[in-house]
Structure formats: structure tokens, C-alpha cells
Amino acid sequence: MSTRPDRYDSALGFTALRGPLARVAQILLYAVLVTIFAGPLVALMVGAFSPVADPSRLTLWPDRLTLDNFTAAFDRGVLGYLLNSFIVVGVGLLLQILVSVSAVYALARHKFPGMRLVLLLILSTMMLPEEILAIPLSLVLADVPIVHVNLIGTLAGMIVPVAAWAFSILVMTEFMKEIPMELEEAARIDGAGDLRILMTIVLPLVRPALGVIGIFGFTMIWDQYMLPLLVAQDASQFTLPLALRTLRTDEQAGLGVLLAAALLALLPSVLAFLALQRQFMKGLTSGAVKG
């Protein structure tokens, strides 16, 4: 006996409709949705690989393919901006994951006085917009407490503030709380310490959560605009999102060069999602890790 369903339910309720008119309505609605969501991306790709003479007109079908826009973008230092972005997002994301895992292991697997207060303080950092934190952050980066180092004008000034993110800590906390404590207790009986338990037992079980915070963390750091704007003092320190503003005001560059740089700024986020999509989907659908 076949268990294949005769029809699939739709969030829009189309399965209740029958007849040729309903089918045509479905196709038209889906075409409109695809155009709305995919149209801007297609226009961006077409504009990046074709000459754009009229800034007010973008087409979904190129008249002639060319790499001139990318060549002009490279001549304006886009590769250097792209390298800065990769350095910031690579080091920043690594530190962010290390800080999140370390902090969450203490918050989720150990009980100590004031733990709820710590979680509340971490959550409160998500309530303040970047515009409010801009001036205090710039003052702190100009004279880092204790070490008294000026990070303004350095890539380190863009990396240190993103090394800890409340969203990653909260996501990891919910996942790590679901790991049975019996696994840790059995490992401790065998003589394992905290570091070994974290590396060999806890981390393999929270891989879906690592995929979630990896994608969101990458996107958050890659799309940073306010932070590089506060830290960078020279064009050589610009990241690619910040450099797009410069290209936008460059009348000699043209719209095609701007679209080429924008496509280069978009691709890493897409590639990061494709690389981590399996763990990302597991993290979204599981909701918790079960032992």
C-alpha cells in the first residue's frame, strides 16, 4: 500500500481550490512572489556583468556580458576592502564562537550565585540600538580600560566589539541546557575534566547550534557599517560595506561598478549559508538537543 500523499498542504490554502482558474491563479501568484523576492537579486547580477548606461533603468536580461565593472571596481581598491572584511569576519567570528561556547558552558552546565542576573545583563545588551552605543563605544576603543590601548584606526578595533554577542550566547544556552547531565556525570566518573567534557561530549551534541550562530554571526559581522565607520580613519582600513558608500558617491565609478562591488559583498554571506545550511536547518527544526 502506497503511503505517498495525494496532495500537499499549502500555507496559502490552495489545496482547497480546484479547477483550471484556480491553477492559473496559483501560477500567477507564485510568479509575482518570485519576481518580488528574486527580481532585485537578478537585476543586481545582470547589472554587475553588463554595462549600465542609464542609472534609472535596470534590466533582468543583459544586452552584453562584460567584466569591465569588476575590473573598474578592483582598480578602486575593492579587493583590499574585501580582504579587510574577511580578516574582520574571520577573526571576529572565531572569537565570538569561542566566547559564546565558554560563557554558555558556565551558564548552562554550572549553577552559581547571580546566574540569572548575568543572563539578564547579557540580554539587556540586545535592547540598545547601535546609534546609542556609538559614542560610548568610540570612547572605549580610543582608550581601552586596564590595558589603555587605542584601537581607533586598526582592524582590531572592529574585531574586539564583535567578539561577544548576546544572541549567540542565548541560542547556545538553550541548546546546551537540553544535554542530559548524566552524560557529564558519567564522564567525570571516568576522570574527565571540564575541558575534555566540553570538547568531546558537549560540542558534538550542539553542532546544530554552532551552525545557527555561525551563520547569524557571520552575517552580523559582515554587514557591520556603524562599527567600521567609527573605527576606520583611512580608506585602507575600510571594509567592503563601508566602501560601498564611497563608491556610491563616486560619480566617475558609475552604477555598474557599484553593483559589481555590491555583488562581491553579497556572495560571502550566500556561500556561508550554503556551507552551513545543513547544521542551520537542523538547529532550526530541532529546537533542542536530545541525548
C-alpha atoms as a PDB file:
ATOM      1  CA  MET A   1       0.000   0.000   0.000  1.00  0.00           C
ATOM      2  CA  SER A   2       1.440   3.345  -1.037  1.00  0.00           C
ATOM      3  CA  THR A   3       1.897   5.978   1.645  1.00  0.00           C
ATOM      4  CA  ARG A   4       2.542   8.772  -0.819  1.00  0.00           C
ATOM      5  CA  PRO A   5       0.191  11.696  -0.171  1.00  0.00           C
ATOM      6  CA  ASP A   6      -2.210  12.636  -2.936  1.00  0.00           C
ATOM      7  CA  ARG A   7      -1.733  16.338  -2.295  1.00  0.00           C
ATOM      8  CA  TYR A   8       0.413  18.664  -0.261  1.00  0.00           C
ATOM      9  CA  ASP A   9      -0.967  21.261   2.087  1.00  0.00           C
ATOM     10  CA  SER A  10      -0.153  24.881   1.388  1.00  0.00           C
ATOM     11  CA  ALA A  11       0.137  27.738   3.839  1.00  0.00           C
ATOM     12  CA  LEU A  12      -1.954  29.800   1.415  1.00  0.00           C
ATOM     13  CA  GLY A  13      -4.782  27.236   1.365  1.00  0.00           C
ATOM     14  CA  PHE A  14      -4.505  26.496  -2.372  1.00  0.00           C
ATOM     15  CA  THR A  15      -5.126  22.795  -1.854  1.00  0.00           C
ATOM     16  CA  ALA A  16      -8.789  23.533  -1.215  1.00  0.00           C
ATOM     17  CA  LEU A  17      -9.140  25.134  -4.672  1.00  0.00           C
ATOM     18  CA  ARG A  18      -9.897  23.108  -7.780  1.00  0.00           C
ATOM     19  CA  GLY A  19     -10.271  23.798 -11.475  1.00  0.00           C
ATOM     20  CA  PRO A  20      -8.223  25.499 -14.234  1.00  0.00           C
ATOM     21  CA  LEU A  21      -8.895  29.030 -12.979  1.00  0.00           C
ATOM     22  CA  ALA A  22      -7.562  28.146  -9.552  1.00  0.00           C
ATOM     23  CA  ARG A  23      -4.456  26.650 -11.179  1.00  0.00           C
ATOM     24  CA  VAL A  24      -3.861  29.814 -13.218  1.00  0.00           C
ATOM     25  CA  ALA A  25      -4.318  31.952 -10.093  1.00  0.00           C
ATOM     26  CA  GLN A  26      -1.735  29.827  -8.274  1.00  0.00           C
ATOM     27  CA  ILE A  27       0.804  30.179 -11.081  1.00  0.00           C
ATOM     28  CA  LEU A  28       0.297  33.944 -11.328  1.00  0.00           C
ATOM     29  CA  LEU A  29       0.619  34.434  -7.573  1.00  0.00           C
ATOM     30  CA  TYR A  30       3.764  32.310  -7.388  1.00  0.00           C
ATOM     31  CA  ALA A  31       5.235  34.233 -10.336  1.00  0.00           C
ATOM     32  CA  VAL A  32       4.562  37.536  -8.562  1.00  0.00           C
ATOM     33  CA  LEU A  33       6.185  36.262  -5.360  1.00  0.00           C
ATOM     34  CA  VAL A  34       9.249  35.005  -7.228  1.00  0.00           C
ATOM     35  CA  THR A  35       9.553  38.324  -9.055  1.00  0.00           C
ATOM     36  CA  ILE A  36       9.304  40.328  -5.844  1.00  0.00           C
ATOM     37  CA  PHE A  37      11.901  38.302  -3.967  1.00  0.00           C
ATOM     38  CA  ALA A  38      14.263  37.228  -6.767  1.00  0.00           C
ATOM     39  CA  GLY A  39      13.875  40.236  -9.074  1.00  0.00           C
ATOM     40  CA  PRO A  40      16.251  42.588  -7.195  1.00  0.00           C
ATOM     41  CA  LEU A  41      18.899  39.861  -6.940  1.00  0.00           C
ATOM     42  CA  VAL A  42      18.664  39.065 -10.650  1.00  0.00           C
ATOM     43  CA  ALA A  43      18.843  42.779 -11.511  1.00  0.00           C
ATOM     44  CA  LEU A  44      21.933  43.091  -9.298  1.00  0.00           C
ATOM     45  CA  MET A  45      23.688  40.196 -11.033  1.00  0.00           C
ATOM     46  CA  VAL A  46      22.742  41.373 -14.512  1.00  0.00           C
ATOM     47  CA  GLY A  47      23.813  44.955 -13.762  1.00  0.00           C
ATOM     48  CA  ALA A  48      27.160  43.764 -12.379  1.00  0.00           C
ATOM     49  CA  PHE A  49      28.006  41.837 -15.567  1.00  0.00           C
ATOM     50  CA  SER A  50      26.678  44.317 -18.132  1.00  0.00           C
ATOM     51  CA  PRO A  51      27.314  47.971 -18.972  1.00  0.00           C
ATOM     52  CA  VAL A  52      24.801  50.233 -17.230  1.00  0.00           C
ATOM     53  CA  ALA A  53      24.472  53.458 -19.185  1.00  0.00           C
ATOM     54  CA  ASP A  54      21.266  54.737 -17.605  1.00  0.00           C
ATOM     55  CA  PRO A  55      21.193  54.589 -13.770  1.00  0.00           C
ATOM     56  CA  SER A  56      17.388  54.841 -13.821  1.00  0.00           C
ATOM     57  CA  ARG A  57      16.996  51.648 -15.847  1.00  0.00           C
ATOM     58  CA  LEU A  58      17.905  48.135 -14.745  1.00  0.00           C
ATOM     59  CA  THR A  59      17.050  45.093 -16.815  1.00  0.00           C
ATOM     60  CA  LEU A  60      16.584  41.433 -15.994  1.00  0.00           C
ATOM     61  CA  TRP A  61      18.231  40.387 -19.268  1.00  0.00           C
ATOM     62  CA  PRO A  62      21.700  41.645 -20.233  1.00  0.00           C
ATOM     63  CA  ASP A  63      22.356  43.069 -23.694  1.00  0.00           C
ATOM     64  CA  ARG A  64      26.069  42.278 -23.469  1.00  0.00           C
ATOM     65  CA  LEU A  65      28.105  40.495 -20.794  1.00  0.00           C
ATOM     66  CA  THR A  66      31.314  42.146 -19.641  1.00  0.00           C
ATOM     67  CA  LEU A  67      33.756  42.110 -16.730  1.00  0.00           C
ATOM     68  CA  ASP A  68      34.584  45.815 -17.070  1.00  0.00           C
ATOM     69  CA  ASN A  69      32.618  46.680 -13.931  1.00  0.00           C
ATOM     70  CA  PHE A  70      34.677  44.257 -11.827  1.00  0.00           C
ATOM     71  CA  THR A  71      37.915  45.500 -13.386  1.00  0.00           C
ATOM     72  CA  ALA A  72      37.000  49.086 -12.529  1.00  0.00           C
ATOM     73  CA  ALA A  73      35.987  48.017  -9.018  1.00  0.00           C
ATOM     74  CA  PHE A  74      39.337  46.283  -8.498  1.00  0.00           C
ATOM     75  CA  ASP A  75      41.137  49.417  -9.714  1.00  0.00           C
ATOM     76  CA  ARG A  76      39.360  51.344  -6.952  1.00  0.00           C
ATOM     77  CA  GLY A  77      40.684  49.038  -4.238  1.00  0.00           C
ATOM     78  CA  VAL A  78      37.683  46.752  -3.775  1.00  0.00           C
ATOM     79  CA  LEU A  79      39.942  43.711  -3.308  1.00  0.00           C
ATOM     80  CA  GLY A  80      41.658  45.453  -0.394  1.00  0.00           C
ATOM     81  CA  TYR A  81      38.306  46.281   1.185  1.00  0.00           C
ATOM     82  CA  LEU A  82      37.215  42.676   0.639  1.00  0.00           C
ATOM     83  CA  LEU A  83      40.381  41.416   2.353  1.00  0.00           C
ATOM     84  CA  ASN A  84      39.731  43.697   5.342  1.00  0.00           C
ATOM     85  CA  SER A  85      36.195  42.328   5.602  1.00  0.00           C
ATOM     86  CA  PHE A  86      37.448  38.739   5.531  1.00  0.00           C
ATOM     87  CA  ILE A  87      40.010  39.460   8.259  1.00  0.00           C
ATOM     88  CA  VAL A  88      37.424  41.120  10.487  1.00  0.00           C
ATOM     89  CA  VAL A  89      34.750  38.473   9.978  1.00  0.00           C
ATOM     90  CA  GLY A  90      37.193  35.546  10.216  1.00  0.00           C
ATOM     91  CA  VAL A  91      38.895  36.568  13.451  1.00  0.00           C
ATOM     92  CA  GLY A  92      35.736  38.142  14.906  1.00  0.00           C
ATOM     93  CA  LEU A  93      33.561  35.076  14.261  1.00  0.00           C
ATOM     94  CA  LEU A  94      36.193  32.729  15.689  1.00  0.00           C
ATOM     95  CA  LEU A  95      36.434  34.804  18.868  1.00  0.00           C
ATOM     96  CA  GLN A  96      32.653  35.104  19.047  1.00  0.00           C
ATOM     97  CA  ILE A  97      32.160  31.340  18.901  1.00  0.00           C
ATOM     98  CA  LEU A  98      34.908  30.731  21.478  1.00  0.00           C
ATOM     99  CA  VAL A  99      33.467  33.314  23.868  1.00  0.00           C
ATOM    100  CA  SER A 100      29.902  32.052  23.364  1.00  0.00           C
ATOM    101  CA  VAL A 101      30.797  28.399  23.955  1.00  0.00           C
ATOM    102  CA  SER A 102      32.907  29.200  27.025  1.00  0.00           C
ATOM    103  CA  ALA A 103      30.313  31.502  28.562  1.00  0.00           C
ATOM    104  CA  VAL A 104      27.396  29.180  27.812  1.00  0.00           C
ATOM    105  CA  TYR A 105      29.164  26.152  29.281  1.00  0.00           C
ATOM    106  CA  ALA A 106      29.444  28.053  32.560  1.00  0.00           C
ATOM    107  CA  LEU A 107      25.869  29.384  32.403  1.00  0.00           C
ATOM    108  CA  ALA A 108      24.095  26.237  31.245  1.00  0.00           C
ATOM    109  CA  ARG A 109      26.073  23.471  32.927  1.00  0.00           C
ATOM    110  CA  HIS A 110      27.004  25.082  36.252  1.00  0.00           C
ATOM    111  CA  LYS A 111      24.971  26.862  38.906  1.00  0.00           C
ATOM    112  CA  PHE A 112      26.421  29.819  40.756  1.00  0.00           C
ATOM    113  CA  PRO A 113      25.037  32.830  42.675  1.00  0.00           C
ATOM    114  CA  GLY A 114      23.904  35.656  40.422  1.00  0.00           C
ATOM    115  CA  MET A 115      23.492  33.495  37.320  1.00  0.00           C
ATOM    116  CA  ARG A 116      20.071  34.975  36.498  1.00  0.00           C
ATOM    117  CA  LEU A 117      21.499  38.472  36.870  1.00  0.00           C
ATOM    118  CA  VAL A 118      24.276  37.630  34.424  1.00  0.00           C
ATOM    119  CA  LEU A 119      21.754  36.353  31.877  1.00  0.00           C
ATOM    120  CA  LEU A 120      19.667  39.481  32.359  1.00  0.00           C
ATOM    121  CA  LEU A 121      22.679  41.715  31.759  1.00  0.00           C
ATOM    122  CA  ILE A 122      23.578  39.762  28.624  1.00  0.00           C
ATOM    123  CA  LEU A 123      20.004  40.059  27.363  1.00  0.00           C
ATOM    124  CA  SER A 124      19.943  43.806  28.104  1.00  0.00           C
ATOM    125  CA  THR A 125      22.774  44.391  25.623  1.00  0.00           C
ATOM    126  CA  MET A 126      20.372  43.415  22.830  1.00  0.00           C
ATOM    127  CA  MET A 127      17.888  46.130  23.788  1.00  0.00           C
ATOM    128  CA  LEU A 128      20.111  49.094  22.899  1.00  0.00           C
ATOM    129  CA  PRO A 129      20.448  50.189  19.251  1.00  0.00           C
ATOM    130  CA  GLU A 130      23.855  50.795  17.722  1.00  0.00           C
ATOM    131  CA  GLU A 131      23.258  54.541  17.460  1.00  0.00           C
ATOM    132  CA  ILE A 132      23.027  54.878  21.247  1.00  0.00           C
ATOM    133  CA  LEU A 133      26.188  52.839  21.807  1.00  0.00           C
ATOM    134  CA  ALA A 134      28.213  54.599  19.092  1.00  0.00           C
ATOM    135  CA  ILE A 135      29.684  57.423  21.203  1.00  0.00           C
ATOM    136  CA  PRO A 136      30.433  55.323  24.337  1.00  0.00           C
ATOM    137  CA  LEU A 137      31.962  52.617  22.148  1.00  0.00           C
ATOM    138  CA  SER A 138      34.212  55.074  20.341  1.00  0.00           C
ATOM    139  CA  LEU A 139      35.432  56.454  23.697  1.00  0.00           C
ATOM    140  CA  VAL A 140      36.182  52.965  25.000  1.00  0.00           C
ATOM    141  CA  LEU A 141      38.031  51.962  21.824  1.00  0.00           C
ATOM    142  CA  ALA A 142      40.081  55.159  21.986  1.00  0.00           C
ATOM    143  CA  ASP A 143      41.327  54.143  25.442  1.00  0.00           C
ATOM    144  CA  VAL A 144      40.621  50.510  26.264  1.00  0.00           C
ATOM    145  CA  PRO A 145      40.257  50.110  30.045  1.00  0.00           C
ATOM    146  CA  ILE A 146      43.025  48.376  32.016  1.00  0.00           C
ATOM    147  CA  VAL A 147      45.400  47.993  29.045  1.00  0.00           C
ATOM    148  CA  HIS A 148      44.982  51.646  27.884  1.00  0.00           C
ATOM    149  CA  VAL A 149      45.412  50.876  24.192  1.00  0.00           C
ATOM    150  CA  ASN A 150      43.968  52.963  21.372  1.00  0.00           C
ATOM    151  CA  LEU A 151      42.207  50.706  18.838  1.00  0.00           C
ATOM    152  CA  ILE A 152      40.846  53.525  16.675  1.00  0.00           C
ATOM    153  CA  GLY A 153      42.298  53.250  13.200  1.00  0.00           C
ATOM    154  CA  THR A 154      43.006  49.493  13.443  1.00  0.00           C
ATOM    155  CA  LEU A 155      41.199  46.359  12.325  1.00  0.00           C
ATOM    156  CA  ALA A 156      41.401  45.153  15.930  1.00  0.00           C
ATOM    157  CA  GLY A 157      39.006  47.948  16.830  1.00  0.00           C
ATOM    158  CA  MET A 158      36.424  46.337  14.534  1.00  0.00           C
ATOM    159  CA  ILE A 159      37.083  42.827  15.861  1.00  0.00           C
ATOM    160  CA  VAL A 160      37.057  43.273  19.643  1.00  0.00           C
ATOM    161  CA  PRO A 161      33.475  44.657  19.937  1.00  0.00           C
ATOM    162  CA  VAL A 162      32.005  41.706  17.979  1.00  0.00           C
ATOM    163  CA  ALA A 163      33.934  39.053  19.930  1.00  0.00           C
ATOM    164  CA  ALA A 164      30.898  38.613  22.204  1.00  0.00           C
ATOM    165  CA  TRP A 165      27.278  38.684  21.032  1.00  0.00           C
ATOM    166  CA  ALA A 166      24.276  38.176  23.287  1.00  0.00           C
ATOM    167  CA  PHE A 167      22.261  36.423  20.559  1.00  0.00           C
ATOM    168  CA  SER A 168      24.848  33.668  20.162  1.00  0.00           C
ATOM    169  CA  ILE A 169      25.071  33.192  23.927  1.00  0.00           C
ATOM    170  CA  LEU A 170      21.297  32.909  24.321  1.00  0.00           C
ATOM    171  CA  VAL A 171      20.931  30.451  21.431  1.00  0.00           C
ATOM    172  CA  MET A 172      23.752  28.257  22.704  1.00  0.00           C
ATOM    173  CA  THR A 173      22.364  28.390  26.250  1.00  0.00           C
ATOM    174  CA  GLU A 174      19.002  26.951  25.210  1.00  0.00           C
ATOM    175  CA  PHE A 175      20.651  24.138  23.266  1.00  0.00           C
ATOM    176  CA  MET A 176      23.202  23.262  25.914  1.00  0.00           C
ATOM    177  CA  LYS A 177      20.610  23.122  28.693  1.00  0.00           C
ATOM    178  CA  GLU A 178      18.960  20.161  26.937  1.00  0.00           C
ATOM    179  CA  ILE A 179      22.044  17.951  27.120  1.00  0.00           C
ATOM    180  CA  PRO A 180      21.454  15.349  29.851  1.00  0.00           C
ATOM    181  CA  MET A 181      23.607  15.921  32.904  1.00  0.00           C
ATOM    182  CA  GLU A 182      24.049  12.151  33.186  1.00  0.00           C
ATOM    183  CA  LEU A 183      26.499  12.281  30.285  1.00  0.00           C
ATOM    184  CA  GLU A 184      28.731  14.696  32.166  1.00  0.00           C
ATOM    185  CA  GLU A 185      28.445  12.756  35.400  1.00  0.00           C
ATOM    186  CA  ALA A 186      29.490   9.542  33.665  1.00  0.00           C
ATOM    187  CA  ALA A 187      32.470  11.327  32.087  1.00  0.00           C
ATOM    188  CA  ARG A 188      33.531  12.781  35.438  1.00  0.00           C
ATOM    189  CA  ILE A 189      33.433   9.323  36.980  1.00  0.00           C
ATOM    190  CA  ASP A 190      35.850   8.244  34.249  1.00  0.00           C
ATOM    191  CA  GLY A 191      38.152  11.112  35.272  1.00  0.00           C
ATOM    192  CA  ALA A 192      37.344  13.641  32.553  1.00  0.00           C
ATOM    193  CA  GLY A 193      37.738  17.337  33.354  1.00  0.00           C
ATOM    194  CA  ASP A 194      35.640  20.297  32.210  1.00  0.00           C
ATOM    195  CA  LEU A 195      37.709  20.958  29.100  1.00  0.00           C
ATOM    196  CA  ARG A 196      37.591  17.347  27.940  1.00  0.00           C
ATOM    197  CA  ILE A 197      33.847  17.133  28.612  1.00  0.00           C
ATOM    198  CA  LEU A 198      33.288  20.319  26.640  1.00  0.00           C
ATOM    199  CA  MET A 199      35.357  19.206  23.650  1.00  0.00           C
ATOM    200  CA  THR A 200      34.359  15.532  23.417  1.00  0.00           C
ATOM    201  CA  ILE A 201      30.776  15.450  24.719  1.00  0.00           C
ATOM    202  CA  VAL A 202      29.100  18.847  24.696  1.00  0.00           C
ATOM    203  CA  LEU A 203      30.346  20.372  21.434  1.00  0.00           C
ATOM    204  CA  PRO A 204      29.461  17.359  19.211  1.00  0.00           C
ATOM    205  CA  LEU A 205      25.915  17.481  20.598  1.00  0.00           C
ATOM    206  CA  VAL A 206      25.451  21.207  19.931  1.00  0.00           C
ATOM    207  CA  ARG A 207      26.707  21.197  16.343  1.00  0.00           C
ATOM    208  CA  PRO A 208      23.312  22.391  15.023  1.00  0.00           C
ATOM    209  CA  ALA A 209      23.539  25.377  17.379  1.00  0.00           C
ATOM    210  CA  LEU A 210      27.066  26.094  16.143  1.00  0.00           C
ATOM    211  CA  GLY A 211      25.672  26.205  12.600  1.00  0.00           C
ATOM    212  CA  VAL A 212      22.956  28.662  13.653  1.00  0.00           C
ATOM    213  CA  ILE A 213      25.260  31.056  15.497  1.00  0.00           C
ATOM    214  CA  GLY A 214      27.881  30.646  12.777  1.00  0.00           C
ATOM    215  CA  ILE A 215      25.549  31.877  10.033  1.00  0.00           C
ATOM    216  CA  PHE A 216      23.954  34.651  12.077  1.00  0.00           C
ATOM    217  CA  GLY A 217      27.325  35.702  13.483  1.00  0.00           C
ATOM    218  CA  PHE A 218      28.928  35.786  10.037  1.00  0.00           C
ATOM    219  CA  THR A 219      26.095  37.902   8.647  1.00  0.00           C
ATOM    220  CA  MET A 220      26.114  40.250  11.640  1.00  0.00           C
ATOM    221  CA  ILE A 221      29.858  40.910  11.418  1.00  0.00           C
ATOM    222  CA  TRP A 222      29.989  41.030   7.616  1.00  0.00           C
ATOM    223  CA  ASP A 223      27.187  43.605   7.394  1.00  0.00           C
ATOM    224  CA  GLN A 224      28.666  45.895  10.067  1.00  0.00           C
ATOM    225  CA  TYR A 225      28.565  49.518   8.940  1.00  0.00           C
ATOM    226  CA  MET A 226      28.445  51.628  12.085  1.00  0.00           C
ATOM    227  CA  LEU A 227      31.469  49.998  13.721  1.00  0.00           C
ATOM    228  CA  PRO A 228      33.876  50.393  10.760  1.00  0.00           C
ATOM    229  CA  LEU A 229      32.588  53.947  10.361  1.00  0.00           C
ATOM    230  CA  LEU A 230      33.626  54.700  13.945  1.00  0.00           C
ATOM    231  CA  VAL A 231      36.993  52.948  13.805  1.00  0.00           C
ATOM    232  CA  ALA A 232      38.371  53.489  10.298  1.00  0.00           C
ATOM    233  CA  GLN A 233      40.416  56.652   9.842  1.00  0.00           C
ATOM    234  CA  ASP A 234      41.796  55.901   6.396  1.00  0.00           C
ATOM    235  CA  ALA A 235      40.428  54.345   3.219  1.00  0.00           C
ATOM    236  CA  SER A 236      42.911  51.466   3.572  1.00  0.00           C
ATOM    237  CA  GLN A 237      41.037  50.406   6.728  1.00  0.00           C
ATOM    238  CA  PHE A 238      37.585  50.324   5.105  1.00  0.00           C
ATOM    239  CA  THR A 239      35.584  47.119   4.987  1.00  0.00           C
ATOM    240  CA  LEU A 240      33.526  46.389   1.885  1.00  0.00           C
ATOM    241  CA  PRO A 241      30.127  47.559   3.281  1.00  0.00           C
ATOM    242  CA  LEU A 242      31.717  50.869   4.255  1.00  0.00           C
ATOM    243  CA  ALA A 243      33.473  51.159   0.898  1.00  0.00           C
ATOM    244  CA  LEU A 244      30.136  50.854  -0.909  1.00  0.00           C
ATOM    245  CA  ARG A 245      29.241  54.280   0.436  1.00  0.00           C
ATOM    246  CA  THR A 246      32.396  55.724  -1.149  1.00  0.00           C
ATOM    247  CA  LEU A 247      31.643  54.067  -4.482  1.00  0.00           C
ATOM    248  CA  ARG A 248      28.083  55.358  -4.339  1.00  0.00           C
ATOM    249  CA  THR A 249      29.300  58.951  -4.124  1.00  0.00           C
ATOM    250  CA  ASP A 250      31.949  58.432  -6.820  1.00  0.00           C
ATOM    251  CA  GLU A 251      30.385  59.849  -9.968  1.00  0.00           C
ATOM    252  CA  GLN A 252      33.197  58.522 -12.160  1.00  0.00           C
ATOM    253  CA  ALA A 253      32.699  54.935 -10.974  1.00  0.00           C
ATOM    254  CA  GLY A 254      29.153  54.576 -12.280  1.00  0.00           C
ATOM    255  CA  LEU A 255      26.313  52.334 -11.249  1.00  0.00           C
ATOM    256  CA  GLY A 256      27.815  49.215 -12.822  1.00  0.00           C
ATOM    257  CA  VAL A 257      30.913  49.394 -10.613  1.00  0.00           C
ATOM    258  CA  LEU A 258      28.719  49.876  -7.543  1.00  0.00           C
ATOM    259  CA  LEU A 259      26.628  46.833  -8.491  1.00  0.00           C
ATOM    260  CA  ALA A 260      29.757  44.741  -9.015  1.00  0.00           C
ATOM    261  CA  ALA A 261      31.049  45.684  -5.560  1.00  0.00           C
ATOM    262  CA  ALA A 262      27.613  45.017  -4.067  1.00  0.00           C
ATOM    263  CA  LEU A 263      27.590  41.543  -5.649  1.00  0.00           C
ATOM    264  CA  LEU A 264      31.009  40.827  -4.117  1.00  0.00           C
ATOM    265  CA  ALA A 265      29.624  41.955  -0.759  1.00  0.00           C
ATOM    266  CA  LEU A 266      26.630  39.634  -1.136  1.00  0.00           C
ATOM    267  CA  LEU A 267      28.388  36.436  -2.218  1.00  0.00           C
ATOM    268  CA  PRO A 268      30.242  35.583   1.052  1.00  0.00           C
ATOM    269  CA  SER A 269      27.005  35.562   3.060  1.00  0.00           C
ATOM    270  CA  VAL A 270      25.367  33.282   0.489  1.00  0.00           C
ATOM    271  CA  LEU A 271      28.373  30.946   0.430  1.00  0.00           C
ATOM    272  CA  ALA A 272      28.472  30.847   4.245  1.00  0.00           C
ATOM    273  CA  PHE A 273      24.815  29.848   4.340  1.00  0.00           C
ATOM    274  CA  LEU A 274      25.307  27.143   1.709  1.00  0.00           C
ATOM    275  CA  ALA A 275      28.278  25.755   3.635  1.00  0.00           C
ATOM    276  CA  LEU A 276      26.407  25.618   6.959  1.00  0.00           C
ATOM    277  CA  GLN A 277      22.840  25.146   5.765  1.00  0.00           C
ATOM    278  CA  ARG A 278      22.594  21.514   6.933  1.00  0.00           C
ATOM    279  CA  GLN A 279      23.540  22.374  10.510  1.00  0.00           C
ATOM    280  CA  PHE A 280      21.469  25.559  10.278  1.00  0.00           C
ATOM    281  CA  MET A 281      18.308  23.676   9.298  1.00  0.00           C
ATOM    282  CA  LYS A 282      18.918  21.055  11.972  1.00  0.00           C
ATOM    283  CA  GLY A 283      19.259  23.821  14.531  1.00  0.00           C
ATOM    284  CA  LEU A 284      16.019  25.492  13.460  1.00  0.00           C
ATOM    285  CA  THR A 285      13.963  22.302  13.277  1.00  0.00           C
ATOM    286  CA  SER A 286      15.262  20.509  16.365  1.00  0.00           C
ATOM    287  CA  GLY A 287      14.844  23.410  18.764  1.00  0.00           C
ATOM    288  CA  ALA A 288      16.740  21.382  21.379  1.00  0.00           C
ATOM    289  CA  VAL A 289      19.372  18.713  21.513  1.00  0.00           C
ATOM    290  CA  LYS A 290      18.304  15.382  22.901  1.00  0.00           C
ATOM    291  CA  GLY A 291      20.690  12.820  24.243  1.00  0.00           C
END
